[in-house]
Amino acid sequence: MFMFALLALTLSPSVIPADAMPCQKRRDQDRAFEARKQGRILPLPEIERRVIPTMAGAQYLGPEVDFDTGVYTLKFLRNGTVIWVRVDGRSGQVIGHTGY
């Protein structure tokens, strides 16, 4: 019985500290700020200004950034299909997409 309770507690989402996600988000923001400051990536608003207008009829769901590669991935939804647009964070050029 003790092992079952321990397993249930271990797998419970409530075990994850409530502030774990905001802490990770803050680290990501710090990394993005440093990368922008060092000129390794363009600011997200600049990337969004270049890409969002090209996605007519699609709902913008949000971005992700891979700091190791400097690639932004912008996520859209159009007619029930999820579309990911990969953008070179240095040049702002679209380098790939899926879901069209």
N, C-alpha and C. Protein backbone atom coordinates (compact mmCIF):
# COMPACT_ATOMS: atom_id res chain seq x y z
N MET A 1 0.83 -1.19 0.00
CA MET A 1 0.00 0.00 0.00
C MET A 1 0.87 1.26 0.00
N PHE A 2 1.92 1.25 0.78
CA PHE A 2 2.83 2.39 0.86
C PHE A 2 3.45 2.67 -0.50
N MET A 3 3.86 1.63 -1.22
CA MET A 3 4.48 1.82 -2.53
C MET A 3 3.49 2.43 -3.52
N PHE A 4 2.22 1.99 -3.46
CA PHE A 4 1.21 2.54 -4.35
C PHE A 4 1.01 4.03 -4.06
N ALA A 5 0.94 4.39 -2.81
CA ALA A 5 0.76 5.79 -2.43
C ALA A 5 1.96 6.62 -2.87
N LEU A 6 3.16 6.07 -2.70
CA LEU A 6 4.37 6.78 -3.11
C LEU A 6 4.39 6.97 -4.62
N LEU A 7 4.02 5.93 -5.36
CA LEU A 7 3.96 6.02 -6.81
C LEU A 7 2.93 7.06 -7.25
N ALA A 8 1.77 7.04 -6.65
CA ALA A 8 0.72 8.00 -6.99
C ALA A 8 1.18 9.43 -6.71
N LEU A 9 1.86 9.63 -5.60
CA LEU A 9 2.37 10.96 -5.26
C LEU A 9 3.45 11.39 -6.25
N THR A 10 4.30 10.47 -6.65
CA THR A 10 5.38 10.77 -7.58
C THR A 10 4.83 11.17 -8.95
N LEU A 11 3.78 10.52 -9.39
CA LEU A 11 3.22 10.79 -10.71
C LEU A 11 2.22 11.93 -10.72
N SER A 12 1.84 12.42 -9.57
CA SER A 12 0.85 13.47 -9.46
C SER A 12 1.41 14.79 -9.97
N PRO A 13 0.64 15.52 -10.80
CA PRO A 13 1.09 16.82 -11.27
C PRO A 13 1.31 17.82 -10.15
N SER A 14 0.67 17.62 -9.02
CA SER A 14 0.81 18.57 -7.92
C SER A 14 2.20 18.52 -7.29
N VAL A 15 2.99 17.49 -7.63
CA VAL A 15 4.34 17.39 -7.10
C VAL A 15 5.26 18.43 -7.72
N ILE A 16 4.94 18.85 -8.94
CA ILE A 16 5.74 19.85 -9.62
C ILE A 16 5.50 21.20 -8.96
N PRO A 17 6.56 21.87 -8.55
CA PRO A 17 6.38 23.16 -7.89
C PRO A 17 5.61 24.14 -8.78
N ALA A 18 4.74 24.90 -8.18
CA ALA A 18 3.90 25.83 -8.92
C ALA A 18 4.71 26.87 -9.67
N ASP A 19 5.90 27.19 -9.16
CA ASP A 19 6.70 28.23 -9.80
C ASP A 19 7.72 27.66 -10.77
N ALA A 20 7.69 26.37 -11.08
CA ALA A 20 8.67 25.78 -11.98
C ALA A 20 8.53 26.35 -13.39
N MET A 21 7.33 26.47 -13.88
CA MET A 21 7.12 26.98 -15.23
C MET A 21 7.50 28.45 -15.35
N PRO A 22 7.07 29.34 -14.45
CA PRO A 22 7.50 30.73 -14.57
C PRO A 22 9.01 30.88 -14.49
N CYS A 23 9.67 30.05 -13.70
CA CYS A 23 11.12 30.11 -13.59
C CYS A 23 11.76 29.76 -14.93
N GLN A 24 11.27 28.71 -15.59
CA GLN A 24 11.79 28.32 -16.89
C GLN A 24 11.51 29.41 -17.92
N LYS A 25 10.32 29.98 -17.86
CA LYS A 25 9.97 31.06 -18.79
C LYS A 25 10.91 32.24 -18.60
N ARG A 26 11.23 32.54 -17.36
CA ARG A 26 12.14 33.66 -17.09
C ARG A 26 13.54 33.38 -17.65
N ARG A 27 14.01 32.14 -17.49
CA ARG A 27 15.32 31.78 -18.05
C ARG A 27 15.31 31.91 -19.57
N ASP A 28 14.21 31.48 -20.20
CA ASP A 28 14.09 31.60 -21.65
C ASP A 28 14.11 33.07 -22.08
N GLN A 29 13.42 33.92 -21.33
CA GLN A 29 13.41 35.34 -21.65
C GLN A 29 14.81 35.94 -21.51
N ASP A 30 15.53 35.53 -20.46
CA ASP A 30 16.89 36.01 -20.27
C ASP A 30 17.79 35.58 -21.42
N ARG A 31 17.64 34.33 -21.84
CA ARG A 31 18.45 33.82 -22.96
C ARG A 31 18.13 34.57 -24.24
N ALA A 32 16.86 34.84 -24.48
CA ALA A 32 16.45 35.58 -25.67
C ALA A 32 17.02 37.00 -25.64
N PHE A 33 16.95 37.64 -24.49
CA PHE A 33 17.47 39.00 -24.35
C PHE A 33 18.98 39.02 -24.65
N GLU A 34 19.70 38.09 -24.09
CA GLU A 34 21.16 38.03 -24.32
C GLU A 34 21.47 37.75 -25.78
N ALA A 35 20.74 36.84 -26.40
CA ALA A 35 20.97 36.52 -27.81
C ALA A 35 20.69 37.73 -28.69
N ARG A 36 19.63 38.47 -28.39
CA ARG A 36 19.32 39.69 -29.15
C ARG A 36 20.40 40.74 -28.93
N LYS A 37 20.81 40.92 -27.68
CA LYS A 37 21.81 41.92 -27.34
C LYS A 37 23.14 41.64 -28.04
N GLN A 38 23.47 40.37 -28.17
CA GLN A 38 24.72 39.98 -28.82
C GLN A 38 24.60 39.91 -30.34
N GLY A 39 23.41 40.18 -30.86
CA GLY A 39 23.21 40.17 -32.30
C GLY A 39 23.09 38.79 -32.92
N ARG A 40 22.85 37.78 -32.09
CA ARG A 40 22.74 36.42 -32.62
C ARG A 40 21.38 36.14 -33.21
N ILE A 41 20.33 36.84 -32.74
CA ILE A 41 18.98 36.67 -33.28
C ILE A 41 18.29 38.03 -33.34
N LEU A 42 17.33 38.12 -34.25
CA LEU A 42 16.49 39.31 -34.33
C LEU A 42 15.44 39.24 -33.22
N PRO A 43 14.92 40.38 -32.81
CA PRO A 43 13.85 40.38 -31.81
C PRO A 43 12.59 39.69 -32.37
N LEU A 44 11.87 39.02 -31.50
CA LEU A 44 10.65 38.33 -31.91
C LEU A 44 9.67 39.24 -32.64
N PRO A 45 9.41 40.47 -32.17
CA PRO A 45 8.46 41.31 -32.91
C PRO A 45 8.87 41.53 -34.37
N GLU A 46 10.16 41.61 -34.64
CA GLU A 46 10.64 41.76 -36.02
C GLU A 46 10.33 40.51 -36.84
N ILE A 47 10.56 39.35 -36.26
CA ILE A 47 10.25 38.08 -36.93
C ILE A 47 8.75 38.01 -37.21
N GLU A 48 7.94 38.34 -36.20
CA GLU A 48 6.49 38.30 -36.36
C GLU A 48 6.02 39.27 -37.45
N ARG A 49 6.60 40.48 -37.51
CA ARG A 49 6.22 41.47 -38.54
C ARG A 49 6.49 40.94 -39.94
N ARG A 50 7.50 40.11 -40.08
CA ARG A 50 7.85 39.56 -41.40
C ARG A 50 6.99 38.37 -41.79
N VAL A 51 6.61 37.56 -40.82
CA VAL A 51 5.95 36.29 -41.13
C VAL A 51 4.43 36.35 -41.06
N ILE A 52 3.88 36.95 -40.02
CA ILE A 52 2.43 36.91 -39.81
C ILE A 52 1.65 37.43 -41.02
N PRO A 53 2.06 38.53 -41.67
CA PRO A 53 1.30 39.00 -42.84
C PRO A 53 1.27 38.00 -43.99
N THR A 54 2.21 37.10 -44.06
CA THR A 54 2.23 36.11 -45.14
C THR A 54 1.31 34.92 -44.87
N MET A 55 0.72 34.88 -43.68
CA MET A 55 -0.11 33.74 -43.27
C MET A 55 -1.59 34.12 -43.25
N ALA A 56 -2.05 34.71 -44.33
CA ALA A 56 -3.44 35.15 -44.43
C ALA A 56 -4.40 33.99 -44.15
N GLY A 57 -5.38 34.27 -43.32
CA GLY A 57 -6.38 33.27 -42.98
C GLY A 57 -5.97 32.31 -41.88
N ALA A 58 -4.79 32.48 -41.35
CA ALA A 58 -4.31 31.59 -40.28
C ALA A 58 -4.29 32.36 -38.95
N GLN A 59 -4.62 31.65 -37.90
CA GLN A 59 -4.57 32.22 -36.54
C GLN A 59 -3.18 31.97 -35.97
N TYR A 60 -2.53 33.01 -35.50
CA TYR A 60 -1.20 32.90 -34.90
C TYR A 60 -1.34 32.39 -33.48
N LEU A 61 -0.67 31.27 -33.17
CA LEU A 61 -0.77 30.67 -31.85
C LEU A 61 0.42 30.99 -30.95
N GLY A 62 1.56 31.36 -31.53
CA GLY A 62 2.70 31.73 -30.70
C GLY A 62 4.02 31.20 -31.23
N PRO A 63 5.11 31.65 -30.58
CA PRO A 63 6.46 31.30 -31.03
C PRO A 63 7.17 30.33 -30.09
N GLU A 64 8.22 29.75 -30.61
CA GLU A 64 9.23 29.04 -29.83
C GLU A 64 10.56 29.45 -30.43
N VAL A 65 11.63 29.38 -29.64
CA VAL A 65 12.95 29.67 -30.18
C VAL A 65 13.92 28.62 -29.69
N ASP A 66 14.78 28.17 -30.59
CA ASP A 66 15.85 27.24 -30.25
C ASP A 66 17.13 28.06 -30.18
N PHE A 67 17.62 28.28 -28.98
CA PHE A 67 18.77 29.16 -28.81
C PHE A 67 20.05 28.54 -29.36
N ASP A 68 20.11 27.22 -29.44
CA ASP A 68 21.30 26.56 -29.97
C ASP A 68 21.45 26.79 -31.47
N THR A 69 20.32 26.80 -32.20
CA THR A 69 20.37 26.98 -33.64
C THR A 69 20.00 28.39 -34.08
N GLY A 70 19.37 29.15 -33.19
CA GLY A 70 18.91 30.49 -33.54
C GLY A 70 17.69 30.47 -34.45
N VAL A 71 16.90 29.40 -34.37
CA VAL A 71 15.73 29.26 -35.22
C VAL A 71 14.46 29.50 -34.41
N TYR A 72 13.62 30.40 -34.94
CA TYR A 72 12.29 30.61 -34.38
C TYR A 72 11.33 29.65 -35.08
N THR A 73 10.37 29.12 -34.33
CA THR A 73 9.28 28.35 -34.93
C THR A 73 7.99 29.04 -34.52
N LEU A 74 7.27 29.54 -35.51
CA LEU A 74 5.99 30.21 -35.27
C LEU A 74 4.88 29.23 -35.60
N LYS A 75 3.90 29.13 -34.72
CA LYS A 75 2.83 28.16 -34.85
C LYS A 75 1.53 28.87 -35.23
N PHE A 76 0.86 28.33 -36.26
CA PHE A 76 -0.39 28.88 -36.77
C PHE A 76 -1.43 27.79 -36.87
N LEU A 77 -2.69 28.20 -36.97
CA LEU A 77 -3.80 27.27 -37.17
C LEU A 77 -4.67 27.81 -38.30
N ARG A 78 -4.89 26.96 -39.32
CA ARG A 78 -5.74 27.35 -40.45
C ARG A 78 -6.60 26.16 -40.84
N ASN A 79 -7.92 26.36 -40.79
CA ASN A 79 -8.88 25.31 -41.19
C ASN A 79 -8.62 23.99 -40.46
N GLY A 80 -8.30 24.06 -39.19
CA GLY A 80 -8.08 22.86 -38.39
C GLY A 80 -6.72 22.23 -38.57
N THR A 81 -5.85 22.83 -39.37
CA THR A 81 -4.50 22.31 -39.61
C THR A 81 -3.48 23.18 -38.90
N VAL A 82 -2.60 22.56 -38.15
CA VAL A 82 -1.53 23.30 -37.48
C VAL A 82 -0.38 23.47 -38.47
N ILE A 83 0.13 24.68 -38.55
CA ILE A 83 1.23 25.02 -39.45
C ILE A 83 2.38 25.56 -38.62
N TRP A 84 3.57 25.01 -38.83
CA TRP A 84 4.76 25.50 -38.17
C TRP A 84 5.63 26.16 -39.23
N VAL A 85 6.05 27.38 -38.97
CA VAL A 85 6.92 28.11 -39.88
C VAL A 85 8.26 28.31 -39.17
N ARG A 86 9.32 27.77 -39.77
CA ARG A 86 10.66 27.91 -39.20
C ARG A 86 11.35 29.10 -39.84
N VAL A 87 11.92 29.95 -38.98
CA VAL A 87 12.53 31.20 -39.44
C VAL A 87 13.95 31.31 -38.89
N ASP A 88 14.89 31.63 -39.76
CA ASP A 88 16.27 31.87 -39.33
C ASP A 88 16.26 33.13 -38.48
N GLY A 89 16.64 33.01 -37.23
CA GLY A 89 16.60 34.13 -36.29
C GLY A 89 17.60 35.22 -36.59
N ARG A 90 18.62 34.92 -37.38
CA ARG A 90 19.62 35.94 -37.73
C ARG A 90 19.17 36.80 -38.89
N SER A 91 18.63 36.15 -39.93
CA SER A 91 18.27 36.88 -41.14
C SER A 91 16.79 37.22 -41.23
N GLY A 92 15.94 36.47 -40.51
CA GLY A 92 14.50 36.67 -40.60
C GLY A 92 13.88 35.95 -41.78
N GLN A 93 14.66 35.15 -42.50
CA GLN A 93 14.16 34.43 -43.66
C GLN A 93 13.48 33.13 -43.25
N VAL A 94 12.35 32.82 -43.91
CA VAL A 94 11.67 31.55 -43.68
C VAL A 94 12.57 30.44 -44.25
N ILE A 95 12.84 29.43 -43.42
CA ILE A 95 13.72 28.34 -43.86
C ILE A 95 12.96 27.03 -43.99
N GLY A 96 11.70 27.00 -43.63
CA GLY A 96 10.92 25.79 -43.78
C GLY A 96 9.56 25.95 -43.14
N HIS A 97 8.67 25.02 -43.49
CA HIS A 97 7.35 25.03 -42.91
C HIS A 97 6.75 23.63 -43.03
N THR A 98 5.80 23.34 -42.17
CA THR A 98 5.07 22.08 -42.23
C THR A 98 3.60 22.39 -42.05
N GLY A 99 2.76 21.52 -42.57
CA GLY A 99 1.33 21.64 -42.34
C GLY A 99 0.57 22.45 -43.35
N TYR A 100 1.21 22.94 -44.40
CA TYR A 100 0.49 23.73 -45.40
C TYR A 100 -0.55 22.93 -46.08
